[in-house]
Amino acid sequence: MISIPLGDVYSEEDKSYCTEQPDSIRVEKGGSVIIPCHFSYPKNVTPEEVRVYWRHAKGGRCGSNEFIYNHTENRIHAAYRGRISVAGNPQKKRTATIRIQNLRENDGPMFCCRISLYYNGEAIESWQNRHGTYLRFKGQFSVEQPDVVPAVIGEDISILCVVHNRSPDAIEEIIWRVGTSDLCFENNEFLIWNTQNITHKVGRWRLQKSEKIFLLYIESVKDSDSLQYCC
């Protein structure tokens, strides 16, 4: 068995420093959401304090965008004041989960968890989830893919790209990016479906539209097909 991953977690220097978040969560305006964040660090590291920070971003990755929440210093961005709280236990259970209430359509939509370990009042290690969690509001246009697609070498597979809240006839072009980077935009455009090219095929690869689903078919899967696929 091989898997074709569509998402991953980020560690700045050491893979043993990790944070895990879901890629996306469906939400409704006025409702509430719990955004999980689980983290880990080496067993031989014994911090006196674990500090949790959350960033938001309007598009792309969180990077160095402004912090919206710091549970240790009780700092909350004005836009989220009275609506955000920590729902995990960073010190004992290595969870930095947050809850946001009374959701607004201009919240986020990308949220990233950052962890800092402190000893004797100084930061000894910090790392952040590279992808974050994207809030998909009900009724808004969005594109959805599975996180991981299991595959068996030699068999055919299909990877789904599902369009929400937009007429399929309004979609003029679908681009698939394929590569080794876990960030979509860093990979090259590989296959393109558009209204002039209904079925696009390159070697063992083929694109096809079926109602609100745009499929990427891969024939006779190989080890080398274990890459990142982004619609």
C-alpha atoms as a PDB file:
ATOM      1  CA  MET A   1       0.000   0.000   0.000  1.00  0.00           C
ATOM      2  CA  ILE A   2       1.055   3.580  -0.630  1.00  0.00           C
ATOM      3  CA  SER A   3      -0.746   6.787   0.194  1.00  0.00           C
ATOM      4  CA  ILE A   4      -0.975   9.962  -1.829  1.00  0.00           C
ATOM      5  CA  PRO A   5      -0.960  12.717   0.803  1.00  0.00           C
ATOM      6  CA  LEU A   6      -2.812  15.984   0.271  1.00  0.00           C
ATOM      7  CA  GLY A   7      -1.868  17.648   3.542  1.00  0.00           C
ATOM      8  CA  ASP A   8       0.743  17.518   6.254  1.00  0.00           C
ATOM      9  CA  VAL A   9       1.994  19.222   9.393  1.00  0.00           C
ATOM     10  CA  TYR A  10       4.850  21.660   9.806  1.00  0.00           C
ATOM     11  CA  SER A  11       7.930  21.632  11.969  1.00  0.00           C
ATOM     12  CA  GLU A  12      10.475  24.430  11.711  1.00  0.00           C
ATOM     13  CA  GLU A  13      13.644  22.479  12.436  1.00  0.00           C
ATOM     14  CA  ASP A  14      13.060  19.098  14.034  1.00  0.00           C
ATOM     15  CA  LYS A  15      10.311  16.727  12.925  1.00  0.00           C
ATOM     16  CA  SER A  16       9.734  15.830  16.555  1.00  0.00           C
ATOM     17  CA  TYR A  17       8.380  19.357  17.061  1.00  0.00           C
ATOM     18  CA  CYS A  18       4.974  19.066  15.413  1.00  0.00           C
ATOM     19  CA  THR A  19       1.526  20.604  15.421  1.00  0.00           C
ATOM     20  CA  GLU A  20      -1.524  18.924  13.934  1.00  0.00           C
ATOM     21  CA  GLN A  21      -4.692  20.686  12.798  1.00  0.00           C
ATOM     22  CA  PRO A  22      -7.543  19.680  10.471  1.00  0.00           C
ATOM     23  CA  ASP A  23      -7.282  21.173   6.985  1.00  0.00           C
ATOM     24  CA  SER A  24     -10.788  22.633   7.043  1.00  0.00           C
ATOM     25  CA  ILE A  25     -13.999  22.790   9.078  1.00  0.00           C
ATOM     26  CA  ARG A  26     -17.496  23.611   7.828  1.00  0.00           C
ATOM     27  CA  VAL A  27     -19.203  26.311   9.890  1.00  0.00           C
ATOM     28  CA  GLU A  28     -22.245  28.586   9.906  1.00  0.00           C
ATOM     29  CA  LYS A  29     -22.475  32.317  10.475  1.00  0.00           C
ATOM     30  CA  GLY A  30     -23.470  32.995  14.091  1.00  0.00           C
ATOM     31  CA  GLY A  31     -22.491  29.508  15.207  1.00  0.00           C
ATOM     32  CA  SER A  32     -19.420  28.309  17.075  1.00  0.00           C
ATOM     33  CA  VAL A  33     -16.439  26.180  16.151  1.00  0.00           C
ATOM     34  CA  ILE A  34     -13.755  24.210  17.952  1.00  0.00           C
ATOM     35  CA  ILE A  35     -10.431  24.226  16.098  1.00  0.00           C
ATOM     36  CA  PRO A  36      -8.248  21.360  17.352  1.00  0.00           C
ATOM     37  CA  CYS A  37      -4.499  21.747  17.691  1.00  0.00           C
ATOM     38  CA  HIS A  38      -2.404  18.887  19.045  1.00  0.00           C
ATOM     39  CA  PHE A  39       1.341  19.292  19.405  1.00  0.00           C
ATOM     40  CA  SER A  40       4.382  17.257  20.366  1.00  0.00           C
ATOM     41  CA  TYR A  41       8.028  17.794  21.248  1.00  0.00           C
ATOM     42  CA  PRO A  42      10.940  15.504  22.203  1.00  0.00           C
ATOM     43  CA  LYS A  43      10.671  13.580  25.453  1.00  0.00           C
ATOM     44  CA  ASN A  44      14.012  14.926  26.664  1.00  0.00           C
ATOM     45  CA  VAL A  45      12.726  18.520  26.467  1.00  0.00           C
ATOM     46  CA  THR A  46      11.222  19.668  29.777  1.00  0.00           C
ATOM     47  CA  PRO A  47       9.881  23.223  29.511  1.00  0.00           C
ATOM     48  CA  GLU A  48       8.697  25.106  32.558  1.00  0.00           C
ATOM     49  CA  GLU A  49       5.961  26.749  30.531  1.00  0.00           C
ATOM     50  CA  VAL A  50       4.109  26.133  27.270  1.00  0.00           C
ATOM     51  CA  ARG A  51       2.720  29.208  25.552  1.00  0.00           C
ATOM     52  CA  VAL A  52       0.037  29.024  22.883  1.00  0.00           C
ATOM     53  CA  TYR A  53      -0.504  31.582  20.142  1.00  0.00           C
ATOM     54  CA  TRP A  54      -3.007  31.651  17.283  1.00  0.00           C
ATOM     55  CA  ARG A  55      -2.725  33.583  14.036  1.00  0.00           C
ATOM     56  CA  HIS A  56      -5.307  34.248  11.346  1.00  0.00           C
ATOM     57  CA  ALA A  57      -4.923  34.989   7.648  1.00  0.00           C
ATOM     58  CA  LYS A  58      -7.253  36.150   4.894  1.00  0.00           C
ATOM     59  CA  GLY A  59      -5.552  34.145   2.178  1.00  0.00           C
ATOM     60  CA  GLY A  60      -2.714  31.653   1.797  1.00  0.00           C
ATOM     61  CA  ARG A  61      -0.724  30.515   4.799  1.00  0.00           C
ATOM     62  CA  CYS A  62      -0.567  32.287   8.160  1.00  0.00           C
ATOM     63  CA  GLY A  63       3.170  32.953   8.013  1.00  0.00           C
ATOM     64  CA  SER A  64       3.963  35.929  10.235  1.00  0.00           C
ATOM     65  CA  ASN A  65       0.476  37.454  10.223  1.00  0.00           C
ATOM     66  CA  GLU A  66      -0.734  39.082  13.418  1.00  0.00           C
ATOM     67  CA  PHE A  67      -1.616  37.035  16.477  1.00  0.00           C
ATOM     68  CA  ILE A  68      -5.262  36.968  17.472  1.00  0.00           C
ATOM     69  CA  TYR A  69      -4.910  35.011  20.709  1.00  0.00           C
ATOM     70  CA  ASN A  70      -2.328  34.306  23.420  1.00  0.00           C
ATOM     71  CA  HIS A  71      -3.736  32.331  26.318  1.00  0.00           C
ATOM     72  CA  THR A  72      -0.727  32.861  28.619  1.00  0.00           C
ATOM     73  CA  GLU A  73      -0.709  36.648  28.422  1.00  0.00           C
ATOM     74  CA  ASN A  74      -4.481  36.761  27.860  1.00  0.00           C
ATOM     75  CA  ARG A  75      -4.090  38.865  24.735  1.00  0.00           C
ATOM     76  CA  ILE A  76      -7.047  38.783  22.357  1.00  0.00           C
ATOM     77  CA  HIS A  77      -7.418  40.635  19.064  1.00  0.00           C
ATOM     78  CA  ALA A  78     -10.189  43.247  19.232  1.00  0.00           C
ATOM     79  CA  ALA A  79     -12.154  41.482  16.474  1.00  0.00           C
ATOM     80  CA  TYR A  80     -12.370  38.287  18.564  1.00  0.00           C
ATOM     81  CA  ARG A  81     -12.704  39.754  22.056  1.00  0.00           C
ATOM     82  CA  GLY A  82     -15.372  37.954  24.075  1.00  0.00           C
ATOM     83  CA  ARG A  83     -15.678  35.224  21.430  1.00  0.00           C
ATOM     84  CA  ILE A  84     -12.474  33.175  21.655  1.00  0.00           C
ATOM     85  CA  SER A  85     -11.133  30.894  24.390  1.00  0.00           C
ATOM     86  CA  VAL A  86      -8.756  27.976  24.830  1.00  0.00           C
ATOM     87  CA  ALA A  87     -10.473  24.585  25.011  1.00  0.00           C
ATOM     88  CA  GLY A  88      -7.377  22.429  25.514  1.00  0.00           C
ATOM     89  CA  ASN A  89      -4.718  21.890  28.158  1.00  0.00           C
ATOM     90  CA  PRO A  90      -1.327  22.915  26.700  1.00  0.00           C
ATOM     91  CA  GLN A  91       0.763  22.124  29.766  1.00  0.00           C
ATOM     92  CA  LYS A  92      -0.550  18.664  30.653  1.00  0.00           C
ATOM     93  CA  LYS A  93      -2.195  17.238  27.534  1.00  0.00           C
ATOM     94  CA  ARG A  94      -0.298  19.044  24.769  1.00  0.00           C
ATOM     95  CA  THR A  95      -3.461  20.422  23.223  1.00  0.00           C
ATOM     96  CA  ALA A  96      -3.889  24.037  22.163  1.00  0.00           C
ATOM     97  CA  THR A  97      -7.447  23.752  20.885  1.00  0.00           C
ATOM     98  CA  ILE A  98      -9.515  26.949  20.724  1.00  0.00           C
ATOM     99  CA  ARG A  99     -13.207  27.737  20.524  1.00  0.00           C
ATOM    100  CA  ILE A 100     -14.653  30.693  18.613  1.00  0.00           C
ATOM    101  CA  GLN A 101     -18.270  31.707  19.202  1.00  0.00           C
ATOM    102  CA  ASN A 102     -20.699  33.908  17.282  1.00  0.00           C
ATOM    103  CA  LEU A 103     -18.818  33.342  14.033  1.00  0.00           C
ATOM    104  CA  ARG A 104     -18.661  36.160  11.503  1.00  0.00           C
ATOM    105  CA  GLU A 105     -18.104  35.715   7.790  1.00  0.00           C
ATOM    106  CA  ASN A 106     -15.013  37.933   7.981  1.00  0.00           C
ATOM    107  CA  ASP A 107     -13.382  35.738  10.652  1.00  0.00           C
ATOM    108  CA  GLY A 108     -10.169  34.106   9.507  1.00  0.00           C
ATOM    109  CA  PRO A 109     -10.788  32.176   7.368  1.00  0.00           C
ATOM    110  CA  MET A 110      -7.359  30.593   8.022  1.00  0.00           C
ATOM    111  CA  PHE A 111      -6.237  29.884  11.590  1.00  0.00           C
ATOM    112  CA  CYS A 112      -2.793  28.612  12.622  1.00  0.00           C
ATOM    113  CA  CYS A 113      -1.549  27.365  15.966  1.00  0.00           C
ATOM    114  CA  ARG A 114       1.918  28.343  17.241  1.00  0.00           C
ATOM    115  CA  ILE A 115       3.675  26.806  20.254  1.00  0.00           C
ATOM    116  CA  SER A 116       6.552  28.256  22.291  1.00  0.00           C
ATOM    117  CA  LEU A 117       8.420  26.397  25.031  1.00  0.00           C
ATOM    118  CA  TYR A 118       9.931  28.453  27.845  1.00  0.00           C
ATOM    119  CA  TYR A 119      12.576  27.667  30.440  1.00  0.00           C
ATOM    120  CA  ASN A 120      13.839  30.165  33.030  1.00  0.00           C
ATOM    121  CA  GLY A 121      11.730  32.819  31.356  1.00  0.00           C
ATOM    122  CA  GLU A 122      13.329  32.380  27.929  1.00  0.00           C
ATOM    123  CA  ALA A 123      11.960  30.742  24.790  1.00  0.00           C
ATOM    124  CA  ILE A 124      13.891  27.557  24.009  1.00  0.00           C
ATOM    125  CA  GLU A 125      11.846  26.444  20.978  1.00  0.00           C
ATOM    126  CA  SER A 126       8.960  27.754  18.855  1.00  0.00           C
ATOM    127  CA  TRP A 127       7.123  26.219  15.925  1.00  0.00           C
ATOM    128  CA  GLN A 128       3.911  26.756  14.005  1.00  0.00           C
ATOM    129  CA  ASN A 129       1.503  24.760  11.890  1.00  0.00           C
ATOM    130  CA  ARG A 130       2.334  25.646   8.311  1.00  0.00           C
ATOM    131  CA  HIS A 131      -1.073  25.050   6.756  1.00  0.00           C
ATOM    132  CA  GLY A 132      -3.601  25.951   9.407  1.00  0.00           C
ATOM    133  CA  THR A 133      -7.325  25.251   9.456  1.00  0.00           C
ATOM    134  CA  TYR A 134      -9.625  26.867   6.903  1.00  0.00           C
ATOM    135  CA  LEU A 135     -13.182  27.750   7.958  1.00  0.00           C
ATOM    136  CA  ARG A 136     -15.671  27.034   5.176  1.00  0.00           C
ATOM    137  CA  PHE A 137     -18.855  29.015   5.762  1.00  0.00           C
ATOM    138  CA  LYS A 138     -22.132  27.473   4.668  1.00  0.00           C
ATOM    139  CA  GLY A 139     -23.317  29.017   1.415  1.00  0.00           C
ATOM    140  CA  GLN A 140     -19.898  30.299   0.367  1.00  0.00           C
ATOM    141  CA  PHE A 141     -18.048  29.033  -2.680  1.00  0.00           C
ATOM    142  CA  SER A 142     -15.404  26.476  -1.747  1.00  0.00           C
ATOM    143  CA  VAL A 143     -13.407  23.585  -3.152  1.00  0.00           C
ATOM    144  CA  GLU A 144     -12.913  20.388  -1.164  1.00  0.00           C
ATOM    145  CA  GLN A 145     -10.493  17.465  -1.505  1.00  0.00           C
ATOM    146  CA  PRO A 146      -9.769  14.414   0.650  1.00  0.00           C
ATOM    147  CA  ASP A 147      -6.724  14.732   2.906  1.00  0.00           C
ATOM    148  CA  VAL A 148      -5.235  11.381   1.913  1.00  0.00           C
ATOM    149  CA  VAL A 149      -6.011   8.925  -0.885  1.00  0.00           C
ATOM    150  CA  PRO A 150      -4.930   5.306  -0.232  1.00  0.00           C
ATOM    151  CA  ALA A 151      -3.546   3.529  -3.289  1.00  0.00           C
ATOM    152  CA  VAL A 152      -2.276   0.110  -4.323  1.00  0.00           C
ATOM    153  CA  ILE A 153       0.661  -0.064  -6.704  1.00  0.00           C
ATOM    154  CA  GLY A 154      -0.483  -1.130 -10.155  1.00  0.00           C
ATOM    155  CA  GLU A 155      -4.147  -0.234  -9.638  1.00  0.00           C
ATOM    156  CA  ASP A 156      -6.051   2.820 -10.902  1.00  0.00           C
ATOM    157  CA  ILE A 157      -7.230   5.549  -8.522  1.00  0.00           C
ATOM    158  CA  SER A 158      -9.236   8.764  -8.716  1.00  0.00           C
ATOM    159  CA  ILE A 159      -8.790  11.928  -6.642  1.00  0.00           C
ATOM    160  CA  LEU A 160     -11.893  14.028  -6.077  1.00  0.00           C
ATOM    161  CA  CYS A 161     -12.161  17.798  -6.281  1.00  0.00           C
ATOM    162  CA  VAL A 162     -15.657  18.851  -5.170  1.00  0.00           C
ATOM    163  CA  VAL A 163     -17.086  22.315  -5.835  1.00  0.00           C
ATOM    164  CA  HIS A 164     -19.580  23.733  -3.306  1.00  0.00           C
ATOM    165  CA  ASN A 165     -22.110  26.538  -3.779  1.00  0.00           C
ATOM    166  CA  ARG A 166     -21.306  27.332  -7.372  1.00  0.00           C
ATOM    167  CA  SER A 167     -22.998  26.051 -10.504  1.00  0.00           C
ATOM    168  CA  PRO A 168     -20.689  23.584 -12.286  1.00  0.00           C
ATOM    169  CA  ASP A 169     -21.488  25.389 -15.540  1.00  0.00           C
ATOM    170  CA  ALA A 170     -19.914  28.540 -14.080  1.00  0.00           C
ATOM    171  CA  ILE A 171     -16.559  26.784 -13.628  1.00  0.00           C
ATOM    172  CA  GLU A 172     -14.489  27.568 -16.708  1.00  0.00           C
ATOM    173  CA  GLU A 173     -11.187  26.048 -15.658  1.00  0.00           C
ATOM    174  CA  ILE A 174      -9.750  23.597 -13.138  1.00  0.00           C
ATOM    175  CA  ILE A 175      -5.995  23.446 -12.574  1.00  0.00           C
ATOM    176  CA  TRP A 176      -4.258  20.620 -10.749  1.00  0.00           C
ATOM    177  CA  ARG A 177      -0.879  21.330  -9.185  1.00  0.00           C
ATOM    178  CA  VAL A 178       1.348  18.358  -8.463  1.00  0.00           C
ATOM    179  CA  GLY A 179       4.714  18.195  -6.724  1.00  0.00           C
ATOM    180  CA  THR A 180       6.654  17.495  -3.562  1.00  0.00           C
ATOM    181  CA  SER A 181       5.872  20.711  -1.680  1.00  0.00           C
ATOM    182  CA  ASP A 182       3.129  20.537   0.926  1.00  0.00           C
ATOM    183  CA  LEU A 183       2.093  24.062  -0.084  1.00  0.00           C
ATOM    184  CA  CYS A 184      -0.109  24.057  -3.163  1.00  0.00           C
ATOM    185  CA  PHE A 185       1.129  27.245  -4.824  1.00  0.00           C
ATOM    186  CA  GLU A 186       4.763  26.089  -4.691  1.00  0.00           C
ATOM    187  CA  ASN A 187       4.046  23.163  -7.029  1.00  0.00           C
ATOM    188  CA  ASN A 188       3.859  23.435 -10.807  1.00  0.00           C
ATOM    189  CA  GLU A 189       0.650  23.439 -12.831  1.00  0.00           C
ATOM    190  CA  PHE A 190       0.394  19.939 -14.242  1.00  0.00           C
ATOM    191  CA  LEU A 191      -3.034  19.302 -15.741  1.00  0.00           C
ATOM    192  CA  ILE A 192      -5.722  21.767 -16.791  1.00  0.00           C
ATOM    193  CA  TRP A 193      -9.414  21.156 -17.464  1.00  0.00           C
ATOM    194  CA  ASN A 194     -11.417  23.877 -19.209  1.00  0.00           C
ATOM    195  CA  THR A 195     -14.534  24.270 -21.322  1.00  0.00           C
ATOM    196  CA  GLN A 196     -12.519  23.833 -24.524  1.00  0.00           C
ATOM    197  CA  ASN A 197     -10.705  20.764 -23.234  1.00  0.00           C
ATOM    198  CA  ILE A 198     -13.375  18.604 -21.590  1.00  0.00           C
ATOM    199  CA  THR A 199     -11.159  15.550 -21.073  1.00  0.00           C
ATOM    200  CA  HIS A 200      -7.458  16.213 -20.659  1.00  0.00           C
ATOM    201  CA  LYS A 201      -5.012  13.312 -20.665  1.00  0.00           C
ATOM    202  CA  VAL A 202      -1.255  13.123 -20.285  1.00  0.00           C
ATOM    203  CA  GLY A 203       0.217   9.636 -20.178  1.00  0.00           C
ATOM    204  CA  ARG A 204      -1.366   7.802 -17.230  1.00  0.00           C
ATOM    205  CA  TRP A 205      -3.144  10.960 -16.031  1.00  0.00           C
ATOM    206  CA  ARG A 206      -6.628  12.077 -17.024  1.00  0.00           C
ATOM    207  CA  LEU A 207      -9.063  14.796 -15.907  1.00  0.00           C
ATOM    208  CA  GLN A 208     -12.820  14.533 -16.159  1.00  0.00           C
ATOM    209  CA  LYS A 209     -15.821  16.541 -14.991  1.00  0.00           C
ATOM    210  CA  SER A 210     -18.885  14.883 -13.460  1.00  0.00           C
ATOM    211  CA  GLU A 211     -21.563  17.309 -12.202  1.00  0.00           C
ATOM    212  CA  LYS A 212     -19.979  19.133  -9.213  1.00  0.00           C
ATOM    213  CA  ILE A 213     -17.026  16.758  -9.059  1.00  0.00           C
ATOM    214  CA  PHE A 214     -13.808  17.147 -11.019  1.00  0.00           C
ATOM    215  CA  LEU A 215     -11.843  13.903 -11.047  1.00  0.00           C
ATOM    216  CA  LEU A 216      -8.150  13.280 -11.508  1.00  0.00           C
ATOM    217  CA  TYR A 217      -7.573   9.686 -12.665  1.00  0.00           C
ATOM    218  CA  ILE A 218      -4.199   7.991 -12.355  1.00  0.00           C
ATOM    219  CA  GLU A 219      -3.753   4.693 -14.165  1.00  0.00           C
ATOM    220  CA  SER A 220      -1.449   1.947 -12.858  1.00  0.00           C
ATOM    221  CA  VAL A 221      -0.211   3.777  -9.761  1.00  0.00           C
ATOM    222  CA  LYS A 222       3.562   3.815  -9.173  1.00  0.00           C
ATOM    223  CA  ASP A 223       5.735   4.624  -6.156  1.00  0.00           C
ATOM    224  CA  SER A 224       6.668   7.896  -7.832  1.00  0.00           C
ATOM    225  CA  ASP A 225       3.001   8.986  -7.744  1.00  0.00           C
ATOM    226  CA  SER A 226       3.170   9.516  -3.975  1.00  0.00           C
ATOM    227  CA  LEU A 227       3.091  13.317  -4.199  1.00  0.00           C
ATOM    228  CA  GLN A 228       1.023  16.334  -3.199  1.00  0.00           C
ATOM    229  CA  TYR A 229      -2.063  16.975  -5.351  1.00  0.00           C
ATOM    230  CA  CYS A 230      -3.948  20.268  -5.225  1.00  0.00           C
ATOM    231  CA  CYS A 231      -7.044  21.274  -7.178  1.00  0.00           C
END
